[in-house]
Amino acid sequence: MALSPFKLSFLAAYLLVGAVVGVLVIHPLNLVVVWWELARFSESAPTLIEFLSARLWLVLLPRHLDVAIAYTVVGAIVGLAFGVFTRNYLRTSRAYQSLREEQTALIPDLMKQGETGRVEFKSSLRWDMKENRINRGLETVIAKTLAGFFNADGGHLLVGVDDDGRPLGLDKDLATLKSPDLDAFERTVNDIVSKNLGGDLCPYIHTVFARVEDKDVAMIIVSPAPRAVYVEENRASVFYLRSGNSTRKLDVRETVNYANRRWS
């Protein structure tokens, strides 16, 4: 694939800067290492300043042109490698930012569509709206819903939304956290998954946020799990599966049959 003039100039700039760094930075650093080795075994070794003063300018002499070229090439290679890494990093960052924006824009649409086999609404993460207090049991409810998505084809869990798709916000949940911000909310979601379902599943969820009617709404995007996911209940491992617009608990026979079809 041909590179555009912009990409060529971008890489050429890193190549040029790298070449300069090779002569002005890498070369002196290498001399410092040589001096240090010399000073370790010779009491009559010159000081570092004397050693550098006597050696640095030699690179300008025609008979030492090969040394200058060598450091220029080394620096250029380093610069080119850094330029390629930077270009790829910027490209990935832009793609990731674009994906987050698309996912965030999806939240209002999902709220309007209502709950489906891949979309579930929850009023809160841990704040009991009826009793007006923290209820840690709600975290288990969240874990069950996530487990159902993990064991199915993935899905979207929207938090801060009532059953009718109206935004309730996350203020009550945020007030229960040590750091009442959205980053802490996302960390709490990961903690719920790690504690109840397994830390190896955290890479399979991604939380984004949107302002809807001036209220924060969270969307936990769940990817299908690479293994069967269980929730511990009363010292028993329980298997949940998303079925229709609800999360269903399977009995032992159903679990074995489903797991064999899905992961074997």
C-alpha atoms as a PDB file:
ATOM      1  CA  MET A   1       0.000   0.000   0.000  1.00  0.00           C
ATOM      2  CA  ALA A   2       1.483   3.356  -1.056  1.00  0.00           C
ATOM      3  CA  LEU A   3       2.202   5.951   1.582  1.00  0.00           C
ATOM      4  CA  SER A   4       0.682   9.414   1.216  1.00  0.00           C
ATOM      5  CA  PRO A   5       3.005  12.457   0.962  1.00  0.00           C
ATOM      6  CA  PHE A   6       2.005  13.413   4.506  1.00  0.00           C
ATOM      7  CA  LYS A   7       2.970  10.003   5.874  1.00  0.00           C
ATOM      8  CA  LEU A   8       6.252  10.098   3.952  1.00  0.00           C
ATOM      9  CA  SER A   9       7.117  13.542   5.293  1.00  0.00           C
ATOM     10  CA  PHE A  10       6.089  12.419   8.786  1.00  0.00           C
ATOM     11  CA  LEU A  11       8.446   9.444   8.683  1.00  0.00           C
ATOM     12  CA  ALA A  12      11.177  11.455   6.943  1.00  0.00           C
ATOM     13  CA  ALA A  13      11.114  13.973   9.794  1.00  0.00           C
ATOM     14  CA  TYR A  14      11.621  11.204  12.363  1.00  0.00           C
ATOM     15  CA  LEU A  15      14.368   9.737  10.166  1.00  0.00           C
ATOM     16  CA  LEU A  16      16.194  13.087  10.050  1.00  0.00           C
ATOM     17  CA  VAL A  17      15.771  13.779  13.750  1.00  0.00           C
ATOM     18  CA  GLY A  18      16.955  10.255  14.534  1.00  0.00           C
ATOM     19  CA  ALA A  19      20.086  10.770  12.413  1.00  0.00           C
ATOM     20  CA  VAL A  20      20.906  13.961  14.320  1.00  0.00           C
ATOM     21  CA  VAL A  21      20.259  12.205  17.636  1.00  0.00           C
ATOM     22  CA  GLY A  22      22.587   9.408  16.577  1.00  0.00           C
ATOM     23  CA  VAL A  23      25.509  11.806  16.130  1.00  0.00           C
ATOM     24  CA  LEU A  24      24.766  14.269  18.946  1.00  0.00           C
ATOM     25  CA  VAL A  25      23.314  11.940  21.603  1.00  0.00           C
ATOM     26  CA  ILE A  26      24.033   8.267  20.959  1.00  0.00           C
ATOM     27  CA  HIS A  27      27.681   8.897  20.039  1.00  0.00           C
ATOM     28  CA  PRO A  28      28.465  10.907  23.216  1.00  0.00           C
ATOM     29  CA  LEU A  29      26.618   8.378  25.362  1.00  0.00           C
ATOM     30  CA  ASN A  30      28.684   5.588  23.863  1.00  0.00           C
ATOM     31  CA  LEU A  31      31.864   7.540  24.623  1.00  0.00           C
ATOM     32  CA  VAL A  32      30.722   7.933  28.234  1.00  0.00           C
ATOM     33  CA  VAL A  33      30.425   4.142  28.498  1.00  0.00           C
ATOM     34  CA  VAL A  34      33.897   3.712  26.957  1.00  0.00           C
ATOM     35  CA  TRP A  35      35.364   6.262  29.400  1.00  0.00           C
ATOM     36  CA  TRP A  36      33.693   4.560  32.367  1.00  0.00           C
ATOM     37  CA  GLU A  37      35.183   1.195  31.390  1.00  0.00           C
ATOM     38  CA  LEU A  38      38.596   2.834  30.923  1.00  0.00           C
ATOM     39  CA  ALA A  39      38.439   4.673  34.254  1.00  0.00           C
ATOM     40  CA  ARG A  40      37.659   1.450  36.113  1.00  0.00           C
ATOM     41  CA  PHE A  41      40.965  -0.157  35.154  1.00  0.00           C
ATOM     42  CA  SER A  42      43.338   2.794  34.706  1.00  0.00           C
ATOM     43  CA  GLU A  43      44.304   5.284  37.390  1.00  0.00           C
ATOM     44  CA  SER A  44      45.795   7.579  34.770  1.00  0.00           C
ATOM     45  CA  ALA A  45      42.584   7.830  32.788  1.00  0.00           C
ATOM     46  CA  PRO A  46      41.531  11.394  31.876  1.00  0.00           C
ATOM     47  CA  THR A  47      38.488  13.019  33.335  1.00  0.00           C
ATOM     48  CA  LEU A  48      35.207  12.594  31.528  1.00  0.00           C
ATOM     49  CA  ILE A  49      35.277  16.176  30.204  1.00  0.00           C
ATOM     50  CA  GLU A  50      38.835  15.756  28.916  1.00  0.00           C
ATOM     51  CA  PHE A  51      37.973  12.430  27.297  1.00  0.00           C
ATOM     52  CA  LEU A  52      34.869  13.798  25.554  1.00  0.00           C
ATOM     53  CA  SER A  53      36.661  16.968  24.447  1.00  0.00           C
ATOM     54  CA  ALA A  54      39.403  14.882  22.835  1.00  0.00           C
ATOM     55  CA  ARG A  55      37.080  12.385  21.138  1.00  0.00           C
ATOM     56  CA  LEU A  56      33.872  14.143  20.123  1.00  0.00           C
ATOM     57  CA  TRP A  57      35.339  16.407  17.492  1.00  0.00           C
ATOM     58  CA  LEU A  58      37.127  13.495  15.772  1.00  0.00           C
ATOM     59  CA  VAL A  59      33.832  12.479  14.173  1.00  0.00           C
ATOM     60  CA  LEU A  60      34.148  15.574  11.958  1.00  0.00           C
ATOM     61  CA  LEU A  61      37.450  14.478  10.422  1.00  0.00           C
ATOM     62  CA  PRO A  62      37.303  12.811   6.968  1.00  0.00           C
ATOM     63  CA  ARG A  63      39.212   9.760   8.175  1.00  0.00           C
ATOM     64  CA  HIS A  64      36.500   9.153  10.789  1.00  0.00           C
ATOM     65  CA  LEU A  65      33.669   9.586   8.297  1.00  0.00           C
ATOM     66  CA  ASP A  66      32.735   5.926   8.686  1.00  0.00           C
ATOM     67  CA  VAL A  67      32.108   6.489  12.417  1.00  0.00           C
ATOM     68  CA  ALA A  68      29.890   9.480  11.691  1.00  0.00           C
ATOM     69  CA  ILE A  69      27.966   7.495   9.081  1.00  0.00           C
ATOM     70  CA  ALA A  70      27.556   4.561  11.477  1.00  0.00           C
ATOM     71  CA  TYR A  71      26.042   6.714  14.232  1.00  0.00           C
ATOM     72  CA  THR A  72      23.901   8.551  11.678  1.00  0.00           C
ATOM     73  CA  VAL A  73      22.500   5.258  10.396  1.00  0.00           C
ATOM     74  CA  VAL A  74      21.900   3.924  13.911  1.00  0.00           C
ATOM     75  CA  GLY A  75      20.135   7.124  14.900  1.00  0.00           C
ATOM     76  CA  ALA A  76      18.085   7.137  11.708  1.00  0.00           C
ATOM     77  CA  ILE A  77      16.935   3.559  12.339  1.00  0.00           C
ATOM     78  CA  VAL A  78      15.969   4.442  15.911  1.00  0.00           C
ATOM     79  CA  GLY A  79      14.149   7.552  14.680  1.00  0.00           C
ATOM     80  CA  LEU A  80      12.325   5.615  11.976  1.00  0.00           C
ATOM     81  CA  ALA A  81      11.259   2.925  14.439  1.00  0.00           C
ATOM     82  CA  PHE A  82       9.999   5.564  16.864  1.00  0.00           C
ATOM     83  CA  GLY A  83       8.200   7.339  14.029  1.00  0.00           C
ATOM     84  CA  VAL A  84       6.414   4.141  12.954  1.00  0.00           C
ATOM     85  CA  PHE A  85       5.467   3.428  16.577  1.00  0.00           C
ATOM     86  CA  THR A  86       4.157   6.985  17.055  1.00  0.00           C
ATOM     87  CA  ARG A  87       2.159   6.875  13.828  1.00  0.00           C
ATOM     88  CA  ASN A  88       0.564   3.551  14.764  1.00  0.00           C
ATOM     89  CA  TYR A  89      -0.147   4.768  18.301  1.00  0.00           C
ATOM     90  CA  LEU A  90      -1.851   7.925  17.031  1.00  0.00           C
ATOM     91  CA  ARG A  91      -3.841   5.915  14.511  1.00  0.00           C
ATOM     92  CA  THR A  92      -4.962   3.450  17.191  1.00  0.00           C
ATOM     93  CA  SER A  93      -5.831   6.282  19.591  1.00  0.00           C
ATOM     94  CA  ARG A  94      -7.979   8.001  16.969  1.00  0.00           C
ATOM     95  CA  ALA A  95      -9.735   4.747  16.124  1.00  0.00           C
ATOM     96  CA  TYR A  96     -10.364   4.043  19.817  1.00  0.00           C
ATOM     97  CA  GLN A  97     -11.693   7.553  20.399  1.00  0.00           C
ATOM     98  CA  SER A  98     -13.959   7.243  17.359  1.00  0.00           C
ATOM     99  CA  LEU A  99     -15.253   3.896  18.641  1.00  0.00           C
ATOM    100  CA  ARG A 100     -15.990   5.355  22.084  1.00  0.00           C
ATOM    101  CA  GLU A 101     -17.897   8.227  20.494  1.00  0.00           C
ATOM    102  CA  GLU A 102     -19.946   5.793  18.409  1.00  0.00           C
ATOM    103  CA  GLN A 103     -20.692   3.665  21.468  1.00  0.00           C
ATOM    104  CA  THR A 104     -21.644   6.715  23.520  1.00  0.00           C
ATOM    105  CA  ALA A 105     -23.970   7.930  20.764  1.00  0.00           C
ATOM    106  CA  LEU A 106     -25.647   4.505  20.817  1.00  0.00           C
ATOM    107  CA  ILE A 107     -26.912   4.886  24.404  1.00  0.00           C
ATOM    108  CA  PRO A 108     -29.944   7.166  23.724  1.00  0.00           C
ATOM    109  CA  ASP A 109     -31.031   4.947  20.837  1.00  0.00           C
ATOM    110  CA  LEU A 110     -30.915   1.804  22.980  1.00  0.00           C
ATOM    111  CA  MET A 111     -32.910   3.560  25.697  1.00  0.00           C
ATOM    112  CA  LYS A 112     -35.638   4.357  23.177  1.00  0.00           C
ATOM    113  CA  GLN A 113     -35.744   0.806  21.815  1.00  0.00           C
ATOM    114  CA  GLY A 114     -36.294  -0.751  25.239  1.00  0.00           C
ATOM    115  CA  GLU A 115     -35.011  -4.019  26.685  1.00  0.00           C
ATOM    116  CA  THR A 116     -34.211  -6.824  24.275  1.00  0.00           C
ATOM    117  CA  GLY A 117     -32.203 -10.014  24.197  1.00  0.00           C
ATOM    118  CA  ARG A 118     -29.041  -7.907  24.084  1.00  0.00           C
ATOM    119  CA  VAL A 119     -30.096  -4.872  26.120  1.00  0.00           C
ATOM    120  CA  GLU A 120     -30.983  -4.645  29.823  1.00  0.00           C
ATOM    121  CA  PHE A 121     -31.808  -1.619  31.993  1.00  0.00           C
ATOM    122  CA  LYS A 122     -30.852  -1.222  35.666  1.00  0.00           C
ATOM    123  CA  SER A 123     -31.780   1.711  37.850  1.00  0.00           C
ATOM    124  CA  SER A 124     -28.526   1.630  39.806  1.00  0.00           C
ATOM    125  CA  LEU A 125     -25.391  -0.293  40.582  1.00  0.00           C
ATOM    126  CA  ARG A 126     -25.652  -0.468  44.370  1.00  0.00           C
ATOM    127  CA  TRP A 127     -28.146   2.198  45.511  1.00  0.00           C
ATOM    128  CA  ASP A 128     -31.574   0.853  46.471  1.00  0.00           C
ATOM    129  CA  MET A 129     -34.096   3.307  45.034  1.00  0.00           C
ATOM    130  CA  LYS A 130     -36.987   1.901  47.103  1.00  0.00           C
ATOM    131  CA  GLU A 131     -35.223   1.824  50.471  1.00  0.00           C
ATOM    132  CA  ASN A 132     -33.057   4.871  49.721  1.00  0.00           C
ATOM    133  CA  ARG A 133     -29.814   3.268  50.930  1.00  0.00           C
ATOM    134  CA  ILE A 134     -26.813   1.241  49.768  1.00  0.00           C
ATOM    135  CA  ASN A 135     -27.772  -2.337  49.009  1.00  0.00           C
ATOM    136  CA  ARG A 136     -24.790  -4.561  48.227  1.00  0.00           C
ATOM    137  CA  GLY A 137     -27.180  -7.255  47.079  1.00  0.00           C
ATOM    138  CA  LEU A 138     -27.824  -5.173  43.966  1.00  0.00           C
ATOM    139  CA  GLU A 139     -24.221  -5.772  42.938  1.00  0.00           C
ATOM    140  CA  THR A 140     -25.019  -9.478  42.829  1.00  0.00           C
ATOM    141  CA  VAL A 141     -27.997  -8.713  40.590  1.00  0.00           C
ATOM    142  CA  ILE A 142     -25.653  -6.824  38.285  1.00  0.00           C
ATOM    143  CA  ALA A 143     -23.256  -9.789  38.317  1.00  0.00           C
ATOM    144  CA  LYS A 144     -26.064 -12.186  37.360  1.00  0.00           C
ATOM    145  CA  THR A 145     -27.088 -10.008  34.447  1.00  0.00           C
ATOM    146  CA  LEU A 146     -23.505  -9.733  33.233  1.00  0.00           C
ATOM    147  CA  ALA A 147     -23.082 -13.497  33.590  1.00  0.00           C
ATOM    148  CA  GLY A 148     -26.154 -13.998  31.415  1.00  0.00           C
ATOM    149  CA  PHE A 149     -24.631 -11.815  28.708  1.00  0.00           C
ATOM    150  CA  PHE A 150     -21.227 -13.485  29.070  1.00  0.00           C
ATOM    151  CA  ASN A 151     -22.759 -16.913  28.584  1.00  0.00           C
ATOM    152  CA  ALA A 152     -24.870 -15.797  25.633  1.00  0.00           C
ATOM    153  CA  ASP A 153     -23.763 -13.619  22.728  1.00  0.00           C
ATOM    154  CA  GLY A 154     -22.830 -10.569  24.756  1.00  0.00           C
ATOM    155  CA  GLY A 155     -24.959  -7.487  25.208  1.00  0.00           C
ATOM    156  CA  HIS A 156     -25.369  -4.035  26.705  1.00  0.00           C
ATOM    157  CA  LEU A 157     -26.267  -3.314  30.328  1.00  0.00           C
ATOM    158  CA  LEU A 158     -27.418   0.272  30.824  1.00  0.00           C
ATOM    159  CA  VAL A 159     -27.199   1.551  34.398  1.00  0.00           C
ATOM    160  CA  GLY A 160     -29.023   4.674  35.546  1.00  0.00           C
ATOM    161  CA  VAL A 161     -32.116   3.882  33.463  1.00  0.00           C
ATOM    162  CA  ASP A 162     -35.550   2.782  34.643  1.00  0.00           C
ATOM    163  CA  ASP A 163     -37.575  -0.071  33.120  1.00  0.00           C
ATOM    164  CA  ASP A 164     -39.276   2.306  30.713  1.00  0.00           C
ATOM    165  CA  GLY A 165     -36.010   3.643  29.336  1.00  0.00           C
ATOM    166  CA  ARG A 166     -36.065   6.953  31.200  1.00  0.00           C
ATOM    167  CA  PRO A 167     -32.735   8.277  32.524  1.00  0.00           C
ATOM    168  CA  LEU A 168     -32.355   8.306  36.313  1.00  0.00           C
ATOM    169  CA  GLY A 169     -28.701   9.265  36.457  1.00  0.00           C
ATOM    170  CA  LEU A 170     -25.799   7.891  38.473  1.00  0.00           C
ATOM    171  CA  ASP A 171     -25.624  10.501  41.237  1.00  0.00           C
ATOM    172  CA  LYS A 172     -26.853   8.134  43.956  1.00  0.00           C
ATOM    173  CA  ASP A 173     -24.320   5.469  43.013  1.00  0.00           C
ATOM    174  CA  LEU A 174     -21.477   7.965  42.643  1.00  0.00           C
ATOM    175  CA  ALA A 175     -22.166   9.348  46.112  1.00  0.00           C
ATOM    176  CA  THR A 176     -21.440   5.903  47.594  1.00  0.00           C
ATOM    177  CA  LEU A 177     -17.931   5.739  46.110  1.00  0.00           C
ATOM    178  CA  LYS A 178     -14.738   6.998  47.738  1.00  0.00           C
ATOM    179  CA  SER A 179     -14.080   9.032  44.629  1.00  0.00           C
ATOM    180  CA  PRO A 180     -17.460  10.166  43.269  1.00  0.00           C
ATOM    181  CA  ASP A 181     -16.568  10.218  39.577  1.00  0.00           C
ATOM    182  CA  LEU A 182     -17.160   8.121  36.479  1.00  0.00           C
ATOM    183  CA  ASP A 183     -13.696   6.558  36.568  1.00  0.00           C
ATOM    184  CA  ALA A 184     -14.430   5.199  40.042  1.00  0.00           C
ATOM    185  CA  PHE A 185     -17.774   3.906  38.772  1.00  0.00           C
ATOM    186  CA  GLU A 186     -16.007   1.985  35.996  1.00  0.00           C
ATOM    187  CA  ARG A 187     -13.523   0.552  38.501  1.00  0.00           C
ATOM    188  CA  THR A 188     -16.429  -0.571  40.679  1.00  0.00           C
ATOM    189  CA  VAL A 189     -17.980  -2.398  37.719  1.00  0.00           C
ATOM    190  CA  ASN A 190     -14.679  -4.196  37.158  1.00  0.00           C
ATOM    191  CA  ASP A 191     -14.497  -5.043  40.870  1.00  0.00           C
ATOM    192  CA  ILE A 192     -17.995  -6.574  40.726  1.00  0.00           C
ATOM    193  CA  VAL A 193     -16.976  -8.742  37.781  1.00  0.00           C
ATOM    194  CA  SER A 194     -13.670  -9.734  39.372  1.00  0.00           C
ATOM    195  CA  LYS A 195     -15.195 -10.583  42.752  1.00  0.00           C
ATOM    196  CA  ASN A 196     -18.293 -12.407  41.542  1.00  0.00           C
ATOM    197  CA  LEU A 197     -17.386 -13.859  38.152  1.00  0.00           C
ATOM    198  CA  GLY A 198     -13.604 -13.905  37.832  1.00  0.00           C
ATOM    199  CA  GLY A 199     -10.891 -11.356  37.132  1.00  0.00           C
ATOM    200  CA  ASP A 200     -10.074 -13.001  33.805  1.00  0.00           C
ATOM    201  CA  LEU A 201     -13.390 -11.657  32.460  1.00  0.00           C
ATOM    202  CA  CYS A 202     -12.612  -7.971  33.020  1.00  0.00           C
ATOM    203  CA  PRO A 203     -11.068  -7.575  29.530  1.00  0.00           C
ATOM    204  CA  TYR A 204     -14.414  -8.699  28.093  1.00  0.00           C
ATOM    205  CA  ILE A 205     -16.331  -5.697  29.420  1.00  0.00           C
ATOM    206  CA  HIS A 206     -16.069  -2.039  28.509  1.00  0.00           C
ATOM    207  CA  THR A 207     -17.925   0.819  30.176  1.00  0.00           C
ATOM    208  CA  VAL A 208     -18.853   4.073  28.440  1.00  0.00           C
ATOM    209  CA  PHE A 209     -20.961   7.015  29.601  1.00  0.00           C
ATOM    210  CA  ALA A 210     -23.343   9.514  28.055  1.00  0.00           C
ATOM    211  CA  ARG A 211     -25.310  12.538  29.222  1.00  0.00           C
ATOM    212  CA  VAL A 212     -28.998  11.987  28.526  1.00  0.00           C
ATOM    213  CA  GLU A 213     -31.428  14.726  29.544  1.00  0.00           C
ATOM    214  CA  ASP A 214     -28.627  16.193  31.658  1.00  0.00           C
ATOM    215  CA  LYS A 215     -28.116  12.918  33.559  1.00  0.00           C
ATOM    216  CA  ASP A 216     -25.241  10.458  33.396  1.00  0.00           C
ATOM    217  CA  VAL A 217     -26.002   7.011  32.059  1.00  0.00           C
ATOM    218  CA  ALA A 218     -23.516   4.128  31.983  1.00  0.00           C
ATOM    219  CA  MET A 219     -23.427   1.389  29.380  1.00  0.00           C
ATOM    220  CA  ILE A 220     -21.488  -1.785  30.153  1.00  0.00           C
ATOM    221  CA  ILE A 221     -20.645  -3.471  26.861  1.00  0.00           C
ATOM    222  CA  VAL A 222     -20.261  -7.219  27.371  1.00  0.00           C
ATOM    223  CA  SER A 223     -18.497  -9.532  24.941  1.00  0.00           C
ATOM    224  CA  PRO A 224     -19.146 -13.296  24.883  1.00  0.00           C
ATOM    225  CA  ALA A 225     -16.957 -15.091  27.429  1.00  0.00           C
ATOM    226  CA  PRO A 226     -14.365 -17.693  26.371  1.00  0.00           C
ATOM    227  CA  ARG A 227     -15.586 -20.022  29.130  1.00  0.00           C
ATOM    228  CA  ALA A 228     -18.678 -20.841  31.133  1.00  0.00           C
ATOM    229  CA  VAL A 229     -19.409 -18.158  33.735  1.00  0.00           C
ATOM    230  CA  TYR A 230     -20.967 -19.044  37.077  1.00  0.00           C
ATOM    231  CA  VAL A 231     -22.297 -17.032  40.004  1.00  0.00           C
ATOM    232  CA  GLU A 232     -21.756 -18.365  43.499  1.00  0.00           C
ATOM    233  CA  GLU A 233     -25.043 -18.624  45.409  1.00  0.00           C
ATOM    234  CA  ASN A 234     -25.388 -20.368  48.764  1.00  0.00           C
ATOM    235  CA  ARG A 235     -22.147 -22.294  48.179  1.00  0.00           C
ATOM    236  CA  ALA A 236     -23.368 -23.480  44.789  1.00  0.00           C
ATOM    237  CA  SER A 237     -22.233 -22.423  41.306  1.00  0.00           C
ATOM    238  CA  VAL A 238     -25.227 -21.181  39.339  1.00  0.00           C
ATOM    239  CA  PHE A 239     -25.308 -20.718  35.579  1.00  0.00           C
ATOM    240  CA  TYR A 240     -27.266 -17.776  34.121  1.00  0.00           C
ATOM    241  CA  LEU A 241     -28.102 -17.223  30.466  1.00  0.00           C
ATOM    242  CA  ARG A 242     -29.674 -14.316  28.645  1.00  0.00           C
ATOM    243  CA  SER A 243     -32.915 -15.540  27.111  1.00  0.00           C
ATOM    244  CA  GLY A 244     -35.230 -13.098  25.397  1.00  0.00           C
ATOM    245  CA  ASN A 245     -35.292  -9.893  27.398  1.00  0.00           C
ATOM    246  CA  SER A 246     -34.580 -11.574  30.742  1.00  0.00           C
ATOM    247  CA  THR A 247     -31.795 -13.512  32.454  1.00  0.00           C
ATOM    248  CA  ARG A 248     -32.684 -17.125  33.214  1.00  0.00           C
ATOM    249  CA  LYS A 249     -31.113 -19.583  35.658  1.00  0.00           C
ATOM    250  CA  LEU A 250     -30.420 -22.968  34.084  1.00  0.00           C
ATOM    251  CA  ASP A 251     -30.598 -26.247  35.960  1.00  0.00           C
ATOM    252  CA  VAL A 252     -27.667 -28.683  35.966  1.00  0.00           C
ATOM    253  CA  ARG A 253     -28.783 -30.654  32.908  1.00  0.00           C
ATOM    254  CA  GLU A 254     -29.466 -27.522  30.869  1.00  0.00           C
ATOM    255  CA  THR A 255     -26.128 -26.043  31.912  1.00  0.00           C
ATOM    256  CA  VAL A 256     -24.141 -29.138  30.907  1.00  0.00           C
ATOM    257  CA  ASN A 257     -25.892 -29.423  27.551  1.00  0.00           C
ATOM    258  CA  TYR A 258     -25.483 -25.727  26.759  1.00  0.00           C
ATOM    259  CA  ALA A 259     -21.834 -25.587  27.884  1.00  0.00           C
ATOM    260  CA  ASN A 260     -20.968 -28.630  25.779  1.00  0.00           C
ATOM    261  CA  ARG A 261     -22.504 -27.055  22.700  1.00  0.00           C
ATOM    262  CA  ARG A 262     -21.007 -23.631  23.319  1.00  0.00           C
ATOM    263  CA  TRP A 263     -17.452 -24.225  24.530  1.00  0.00           C
ATOM    264  CA  SER A 264     -16.507 -27.795  23.635  1.00  0.00           C
END
